Amino acid sequence: MSTLIKRSFSLAGHRTSVALEPAFWDALTALAAQRGDSLSTLVAQVDGNRQPDHPLASALRVLALLEAPRKL
């Protein structure tokens, strides 16, 4: 089982940390690069668009699974 990696972001004027598995961070970083954005920008967009009762880490995992470039 992979160890979680925690990263901190400033979102809507407050600091928050998100812990995800390395594969998810890799997928999100690739997706951000593909879009021409930084990882921080991508995380802020997800944070701004998620439902209040939907955890940020879960929203990021779903995004990574649905939209990140695939390596086969």
PDB file of N, CA and C in Angstrom:
ATOM      1  N   MET A   1       0.842  -1.182   0.000  1.00  0.00           N
ATOM      2  CA  MET A   1       0.000   0.000   0.000  1.00  0.00           C
ATOM      3  C   MET A   1       0.887   1.245   0.000  1.00  0.00           C
ATOM      4  N   SER A   2       0.517   2.241  -0.774  1.00  0.00           N
ATOM      5  CA  SER A   2       1.302   3.462  -0.902  1.00  0.00           C
ATOM      6  C   SER A   2       1.121   4.364   0.304  1.00  0.00           C
ATOM      7  N   THR A   3       2.167   5.086   0.612  1.00  0.00           N
ATOM      8  CA  THR A   3       2.116   6.092   1.661  1.00  0.00           C
ATOM      9  C   THR A   3       1.485   7.351   1.101  1.00  0.00           C
ATOM     10  N   LEU A   4       0.675   7.988   1.905  1.00  0.00           N
ATOM     11  CA  LEU A   4       0.061   9.238   1.476  1.00  0.00           C
ATOM     12  C   LEU A   4       1.087  10.363   1.512  1.00  0.00           C
ATOM     13  N   ILE A   5       0.971  11.262   0.556  1.00  0.00           N
ATOM     14  CA  ILE A   5       1.801  12.466   0.508  1.00  0.00           C
ATOM     15  C   ILE A   5       0.889  13.652   0.782  1.00  0.00           C
ATOM     16  N   LYS A   6       1.274  14.466   1.748  1.00  0.00           N
ATOM     17  CA  LYS A   6       0.462  15.622   2.118  1.00  0.00           C
ATOM     18  C   LYS A   6       1.052  16.873   1.465  1.00  0.00           C
ATOM     19  N   ARG A   7       0.182  17.655   0.847  1.00  0.00           N
ATOM     20  CA  ARG A   7       0.580  18.934   0.238  1.00  0.00           C
ATOM     21  C   ARG A   7      -0.351  20.017   0.767  1.00  0.00           C
ATOM     22  N   SER A   8       0.201  21.203   0.954  1.00  0.00           N
ATOM     23  CA  SER A   8      -0.575  22.328   1.479  1.00  0.00           C
ATOM     24  C   SER A   8      -0.858  23.336   0.384  1.00  0.00           C
ATOM     25  N   PHE A   9      -2.044  23.920   0.453  1.00  0.00           N
ATOM     26  CA  PHE A   9      -2.483  24.914  -0.528  1.00  0.00           C
ATOM     27  C   PHE A   9      -3.190  26.048   0.185  1.00  0.00           C
ATOM     28  N   SER A  10      -3.190  27.209  -0.449  1.00  0.00           N
ATOM     29  CA  SER A  10      -3.983  28.334   0.015  1.00  0.00           C
ATOM     30  C   SER A  10      -5.217  28.407  -0.878  1.00  0.00           C
ATOM     31  N   LEU A  11      -6.382  28.158  -0.280  1.00  0.00           N
ATOM     32  CA  LEU A  11      -7.629  28.097  -1.033  1.00  0.00           C
ATOM     33  C   LEU A  11      -8.633  29.071  -0.436  1.00  0.00           C
ATOM     34  N   ALA A  12      -9.122  29.976  -1.249  1.00  0.00           N
ATOM     35  CA  ALA A  12     -10.126  30.957  -0.811  1.00  0.00           C
ATOM     36  C   ALA A  12      -9.680  31.671   0.462  1.00  0.00           C
ATOM     37  N   GLY A  13      -8.407  31.995   0.524  1.00  0.00           N
ATOM     38  CA  GLY A  13      -7.888  32.764   1.646  1.00  0.00           C
ATOM     39  C   GLY A  13      -7.530  31.975   2.889  1.00  0.00           C
ATOM     40  N   HIS A  14      -7.600  30.660   2.827  1.00  0.00           N
ATOM     41  CA  HIS A  14      -7.197  29.864   3.986  1.00  0.00           C
ATOM     42  C   HIS A  14      -6.287  28.722   3.550  1.00  0.00           C
ATOM     43  N   ARG A  15      -5.419  28.300   4.475  1.00  0.00           N
ATOM     44  CA  ARG A  15      -4.500  27.198   4.185  1.00  0.00           C
ATOM     45  C   ARG A  15      -5.195  25.877   4.484  1.00  0.00           C
ATOM     46  N   THR A  16      -4.968  24.911   3.618  1.00  0.00           N
ATOM     47  CA  THR A  16      -5.491  23.566   3.832  1.00  0.00           C
ATOM     48  C   THR A  16      -4.480  22.559   3.315  1.00  0.00           C
ATOM     49  N   SER A  17      -4.514  21.374   3.860  1.00  0.00           N
ATOM     50  CA  SER A  17      -3.637  20.298   3.421  1.00  0.00           C
ATOM     51  C   SER A  17      -4.478  19.163   2.859  1.00  0.00           C
ATOM     52  N   VAL A  18      -3.920  18.516   1.856  1.00  0.00           N
ATOM     53  CA  VAL A  18      -4.579  17.379   1.223  1.00  0.00           C
ATOM     54  C   VAL A  18      -3.576  16.234   1.177  1.00  0.00           C
ATOM     55  N   ALA A  19      -4.013  15.065   1.597  1.00  0.00           N
ATOM     56  CA  ALA A  19      -3.157  13.879   1.566  1.00  0.00           C
ATOM     57  C   ALA A  19      -3.706  12.903   0.529  1.00  0.00           C
ATOM     58  N   LEU A  20      -2.871  12.573  -0.457  1.00  0.00           N
ATOM     59  CA  LEU A  20      -3.237  11.628  -1.515  1.00  0.00           C
ATOM     60  C   LEU A  20      -2.081  10.677  -1.774  1.00  0.00           C
ATOM     61  N   GLU A  21      -2.388   9.576  -2.414  1.00  0.00           N
ATOM     62  CA  GLU A  21      -1.367   8.631  -2.834  1.00  0.00           C
ATOM     63  C   GLU A  21      -0.538   9.256  -3.963  1.00  0.00           C
ATOM     64  N   PRO A  22       0.747   8.869  -4.067  1.00  0.00           N
ATOM     65  CA  PRO A  22       1.620   9.449  -5.093  1.00  0.00           C
ATOM     66  C   PRO A  22       1.055   9.347  -6.515  1.00  0.00           C
ATOM     67  N   ALA A  23       0.394   8.263  -6.849  1.00  0.00           N
ATOM     68  CA  ALA A  23      -0.154   8.101  -8.205  1.00  0.00           C
ATOM     69  C   ALA A  23      -1.193   9.176  -8.508  1.00  0.00           C
ATOM     70  N   PHE A  24      -1.986   9.562  -7.519  1.00  0.00           N
ATOM     71  CA  PHE A  24      -2.976  10.619  -7.736  1.00  0.00           C
ATOM     72  C   PHE A  24      -2.300  11.966  -7.924  1.00  0.00           C
ATOM     73  N   TRP A  25      -1.261  12.260  -7.118  1.00  0.00           N
ATOM     74  CA  TRP A  25      -0.539  13.522  -7.310  1.00  0.00           C
ATOM     75  C   TRP A  25       0.092  13.551  -8.698  1.00  0.00           C
ATOM     76  N   ASP A  26       0.657  12.436  -9.143  1.00  0.00           N
ATOM     77  CA  ASP A  26       1.252  12.379 -10.483  1.00  0.00           C
ATOM     78  C   ASP A  26       0.208  12.659 -11.558  1.00  0.00           C
ATOM     79  N   ALA A  27      -0.965  12.041 -11.419  1.00  0.00           N
ATOM     80  CA  ALA A  27      -2.030  12.226 -12.413  1.00  0.00           C
ATOM     81  C   ALA A  27      -2.525  13.673 -12.405  1.00  0.00           C
ATOM     82  N   LEU A  28      -2.695  14.248 -11.235  1.00  0.00           N
ATOM     83  CA  LEU A  28      -3.180  15.630 -11.143  1.00  0.00           C
ATOM     84  C   LEU A  28      -2.148  16.621 -11.672  1.00  0.00           C
ATOM     85  N   THR A  29      -0.878  16.367 -11.401  1.00  0.00           N
ATOM     86  CA  THR A  29       0.185  17.231 -11.921  1.00  0.00           C
ATOM     87  C   THR A  29       0.211  17.175 -13.443  1.00  0.00           C
ATOM     88  N   ALA A  30       0.060  15.977 -14.005  1.00  0.00           N
ATOM     89  CA  ALA A  30       0.028  15.826 -15.466  1.00  0.00           C
ATOM     90  C   ALA A  30      -1.193  16.528 -16.050  1.00  0.00           C
ATOM     91  N   LEU A  31      -2.341  16.406 -15.397  1.00  0.00           N
ATOM     92  CA  LEU A  31      -3.550  17.057 -15.875  1.00  0.00           C
ATOM     93  C   LEU A  31      -3.398  18.577 -15.839  1.00  0.00           C
ATOM     94  N   ALA A  32      -2.844  19.099 -14.761  1.00  0.00           N
ATOM     95  CA  ALA A  32      -2.627  20.543 -14.662  1.00  0.00           C
ATOM     96  C   ALA A  32      -1.702  21.021 -15.781  1.00  0.00           C
ATOM     97  N   ALA A  33      -0.629  20.290 -16.026  1.00  0.00           N
ATOM     98  CA  ALA A  33       0.308  20.656 -17.097  1.00  0.00           C
ATOM     99  C   ALA A  33      -0.365  20.610 -18.457  1.00  0.00           C
ATOM    100  N   GLN A  34      -1.184  19.594 -18.670  1.00  0.00           N
ATOM    101  CA  GLN A  34      -1.906  19.463 -19.940  1.00  0.00           C
ATOM    102  C   GLN A  34      -2.821  20.665 -20.168  1.00  0.00           C
ATOM    103  N   ARG A  35      -3.389  21.181 -19.099  1.00  0.00           N
ATOM    104  CA  ARG A  35      -4.284  22.336 -19.181  1.00  0.00           C
ATOM    105  C   ARG A  35      -3.532  23.668 -19.169  1.00  0.00           C
ATOM    106  N   GLY A  36      -2.229  23.614 -18.944  1.00  0.00           N
ATOM    107  CA  GLY A  36      -1.441  24.844 -18.876  1.00  0.00           C
ATOM    108  C   GLY A  36      -1.586  25.573 -17.550  1.00  0.00           C
ATOM    109  N   ASP A  37      -1.947  24.841 -16.511  1.00  0.00           N
ATOM    110  CA  ASP A  37      -2.144  25.415 -15.187  1.00  0.00           C
ATOM    111  C   ASP A  37      -1.139  24.839 -14.207  1.00  0.00           C
ATOM    112  N   SER A  38      -1.037  25.474 -13.061  1.00  0.00           N
ATOM    113  CA  SER A  38      -0.246  24.916 -11.971  1.00  0.00           C
ATOM    114  C   SER A  38      -1.113  23.936 -11.189  1.00  0.00           C
ATOM    115  N   LEU A  39      -0.486  23.100 -10.405  1.00  0.00           N
ATOM    116  CA  LEU A  39      -1.229  22.181  -9.549  1.00  0.00           C
ATOM    117  C   LEU A  39      -2.087  22.978  -8.568  1.00  0.00           C
ATOM    118  N   SER A  40      -1.569  24.062  -8.042  1.00  0.00           N
ATOM    119  CA  SER A  40      -2.338  24.902  -7.114  1.00  0.00           C
ATOM    120  C   SER A  40      -3.598  25.453  -7.761  1.00  0.00           C
ATOM    121  N   THR A  41      -3.497  25.875  -8.995  1.00  0.00           N
ATOM    122  CA  THR A  41      -4.660  26.384  -9.723  1.00  0.00           C
ATOM    123  C   THR A  41      -5.694  25.285  -9.919  1.00  0.00           C
ATOM    124  N   LEU A  42      -5.255  24.106 -10.297  1.00  0.00           N
ATOM    125  CA  LEU A  42      -6.167  22.985 -10.488  1.00  0.00           C
ATOM    126  C   LEU A  42      -6.887  22.646  -9.185  1.00  0.00           C
ATOM    127  N   VAL A  43      -6.147  22.573  -8.092  1.00  0.00           N
ATOM    128  CA  VAL A  43      -6.748  22.251  -6.793  1.00  0.00           C
ATOM    129  C   VAL A  43      -7.758  23.330  -6.401  1.00  0.00           C
ATOM    130  N   ALA A  44      -7.421  24.596  -6.631  1.00  0.00           N
ATOM    131  CA  ALA A  44      -8.342  25.688  -6.303  1.00  0.00           C
ATOM    132  C   ALA A  44      -9.622  25.590  -7.137  1.00  0.00           C
ATOM    133  N   GLN A  45      -9.500  25.211  -8.399  1.00  0.00           N
ATOM    134  CA  GLN A  45     -10.684  25.057  -9.247  1.00  0.00           C
ATOM    135  C   GLN A  45     -11.580  23.934  -8.737  1.00  0.00           C
ATOM    136  N   VAL A  46     -10.976  22.819  -8.378  1.00  0.00           N
ATOM    137  CA  VAL A  46     -11.750  21.699  -7.840  1.00  0.00           C
ATOM    138  C   VAL A  46     -12.417  22.112  -6.529  1.00  0.00           C
ATOM    139  N   ASP A  47     -11.680  22.792  -5.683  1.00  0.00           N
ATOM    140  CA  ASP A  47     -12.234  23.242  -4.403  1.00  0.00           C
ATOM    141  C   ASP A  47     -13.429  24.165  -4.622  1.00  0.00           C
ATOM    142  N   GLY A  48     -13.332  25.061  -5.575  1.00  0.00           N
ATOM    143  CA  GLY A  48     -14.407  26.009  -5.836  1.00  0.00           C
ATOM    144  C   GLY A  48     -15.636  25.393  -6.468  1.00  0.00           C
ATOM    145  N   ASN A  49     -15.475  24.247  -7.123  1.00  0.00           N
ATOM    146  CA  ASN A  49     -16.590  23.612  -7.839  1.00  0.00           C
ATOM    147  C   ASN A  49     -17.212  22.417  -7.129  1.00  0.00           C
ATOM    148  N   ARG A  50     -16.612  21.975  -6.040  1.00  0.00           N
ATOM    149  CA  ARG A  50     -17.141  20.775  -5.370  1.00  0.00           C
ATOM    150  C   ARG A  50     -18.301  21.128  -4.445  1.00  0.00           C
ATOM    151  N   GLN A  51     -19.112  20.132  -4.153  1.00  0.00           N
ATOM    152  CA  GLN A  51     -20.197  20.290  -3.201  1.00  0.00           C
ATOM    153  C   GLN A  51     -19.605  20.413  -1.794  1.00  0.00           C
ATOM    154  N   PRO A  52     -20.196  21.223  -0.929  1.00  0.00           N
ATOM    155  CA  PRO A  52     -19.641  21.430   0.419  1.00  0.00           C
ATOM    156  C   PRO A  52     -19.478  20.145   1.236  1.00  0.00           C
ATOM    157  N   ASP A  53     -20.323  19.159   0.990  1.00  0.00           N
ATOM    158  CA  ASP A  53     -20.239  17.911   1.752  1.00  0.00           C
ATOM    159  C   ASP A  53     -19.338  16.862   1.089  1.00  0.00           C
ATOM    160  N   HIS A  54     -18.678  17.234   0.006  1.00  0.00           N
ATOM    161  CA  HIS A  54     -17.781  16.331  -0.727  1.00  0.00           C
ATOM    162  C   HIS A  54     -16.344  16.692  -0.375  1.00  0.00           C
ATOM    163  N   PRO A  55     -15.606  15.805   0.309  1.00  0.00           N
ATOM    164  CA  PRO A  55     -14.230  16.124   0.707  1.00  0.00           C
ATOM    165  C   PRO A  55     -13.340  16.464  -0.499  1.00  0.00           C
ATOM    166  N   LEU A  56     -12.443  17.409  -0.300  1.00  0.00           N
ATOM    167  CA  LEU A  56     -11.545  17.840  -1.367  1.00  0.00           C
ATOM    168  C   LEU A  56     -10.692  16.681  -1.871  1.00  0.00           C
ATOM    169  N   ALA A  57     -10.159  15.870  -0.977  1.00  0.00           N
ATOM    170  CA  ALA A  57      -9.323  14.743  -1.405  1.00  0.00           C
ATOM    171  C   ALA A  57     -10.115  13.801  -2.313  1.00  0.00           C
ATOM    172  N   SER A  58     -11.356  13.553  -1.977  1.00  0.00           N
ATOM    173  CA  SER A  58     -12.199  12.682  -2.816  1.00  0.00           C
ATOM    174  C   SER A  58     -12.452  13.309  -4.176  1.00  0.00           C
ATOM    175  N   ALA A  59     -12.734  14.599  -4.191  1.00  0.00           N
ATOM    176  CA  ALA A  59     -12.978  15.293  -5.459  1.00  0.00           C
ATOM    177  C   ALA A  59     -11.742  15.246  -6.351  1.00  0.00           C
ATOM    178  N   LEU A  60     -10.570  15.384  -5.758  1.00  0.00           N
ATOM    179  CA  LEU A  60      -9.327  15.322  -6.541  1.00  0.00           C
ATOM    180  C   LEU A  60      -9.082  13.916  -7.081  1.00  0.00           C
ATOM    181  N   ARG A  61      -9.360  12.903  -6.280  1.00  0.00           N
ATOM    182  CA  ARG A  61      -9.191  11.524  -6.760  1.00  0.00           C
ATOM    183  C   ARG A  61     -10.121  11.231  -7.937  1.00  0.00           C
ATOM    184  N   VAL A  62     -11.363  11.656  -7.826  1.00  0.00           N
ATOM    185  CA  VAL A  62     -12.325  11.429  -8.913  1.00  0.00           C
ATOM    186  C   VAL A  62     -11.863  12.139 -10.183  1.00  0.00           C
ATOM    187  N   LEU A  63     -11.428  13.386 -10.058  1.00  0.00           N
ATOM    188  CA  LEU A  63     -10.924  14.115 -11.218  1.00  0.00           C
ATOM    189  C   LEU A  63      -9.755  13.370 -11.857  1.00  0.00           C
ATOM    190  N   ALA A  64      -8.829  12.912 -11.036  1.00  0.00           N
ATOM    191  CA  ALA A  64      -7.670  12.182 -11.562  1.00  0.00           C
ATOM    192  C   ALA A  64      -8.094  10.931 -12.310  1.00  0.00           C
ATOM    193  N   LEU A  65      -9.064  10.217 -11.769  1.00  0.00           N
ATOM    194  CA  LEU A  65      -9.530   8.991 -12.425  1.00  0.00           C
ATOM    195  C   LEU A  65     -10.262   9.270 -13.729  1.00  0.00           C
ATOM    196  N   LEU A  66     -11.020  10.352 -13.773  1.00  0.00           N
ATOM    197  CA  LEU A  66     -11.846  10.641 -14.946  1.00  0.00           C
ATOM    198  C   LEU A  66     -11.123  11.385 -16.063  1.00  0.00           C
ATOM    199  N   GLU A  67     -10.190  12.277 -15.704  1.00  0.00           N
ATOM    200  CA  GLU A  67      -9.655  13.180 -16.705  1.00  0.00           C
ATOM    201  C   GLU A  67      -8.155  13.190 -16.911  1.00  0.00           C
ATOM    202  N   ALA A  68      -7.416  12.631 -16.013  1.00  0.00           N
ATOM    203  CA  ALA A  68      -5.952  12.696 -16.145  1.00  0.00           C
ATOM    204  C   ALA A  68      -5.472  11.852 -17.322  1.00  0.00           C
ATOM    205  N   PRO A  69      -4.394  12.289 -17.969  1.00  0.00           N
ATOM    206  CA  PRO A  69      -3.822  11.481 -19.054  1.00  0.00           C
ATOM    207  C   PRO A  69      -3.461  10.092 -18.546  1.00  0.00           C
ATOM    208  N   ARG A  70      -3.712   9.098 -19.341  1.00  0.00           N
ATOM    209  CA  ARG A  70      -3.483   7.706 -18.937  1.00  0.00           C
ATOM    210  C   ARG A  70      -2.139   7.202 -19.455  1.00  0.00           C
ATOM    211  N   LYS A  71      -1.481   6.424 -18.596  1.00  0.00           N
ATOM    212  CA  LYS A  71      -0.266   5.715 -19.010  1.00  0.00           C
ATOM    213  C   LYS A  71      -0.585   4.229 -19.018  1.00  0.00           C
ATOM    214  N   LEU A  72      -0.479   3.606 -20.145  1.00  0.00           N
ATOM    215  CA  LEU A  72      -0.776   2.167 -20.223  1.00  0.00           C
ATOM    216  C   LEU A  72       0.477   1.368 -20.404  1.00  0.00           C
TER     217      LEU A  72
END
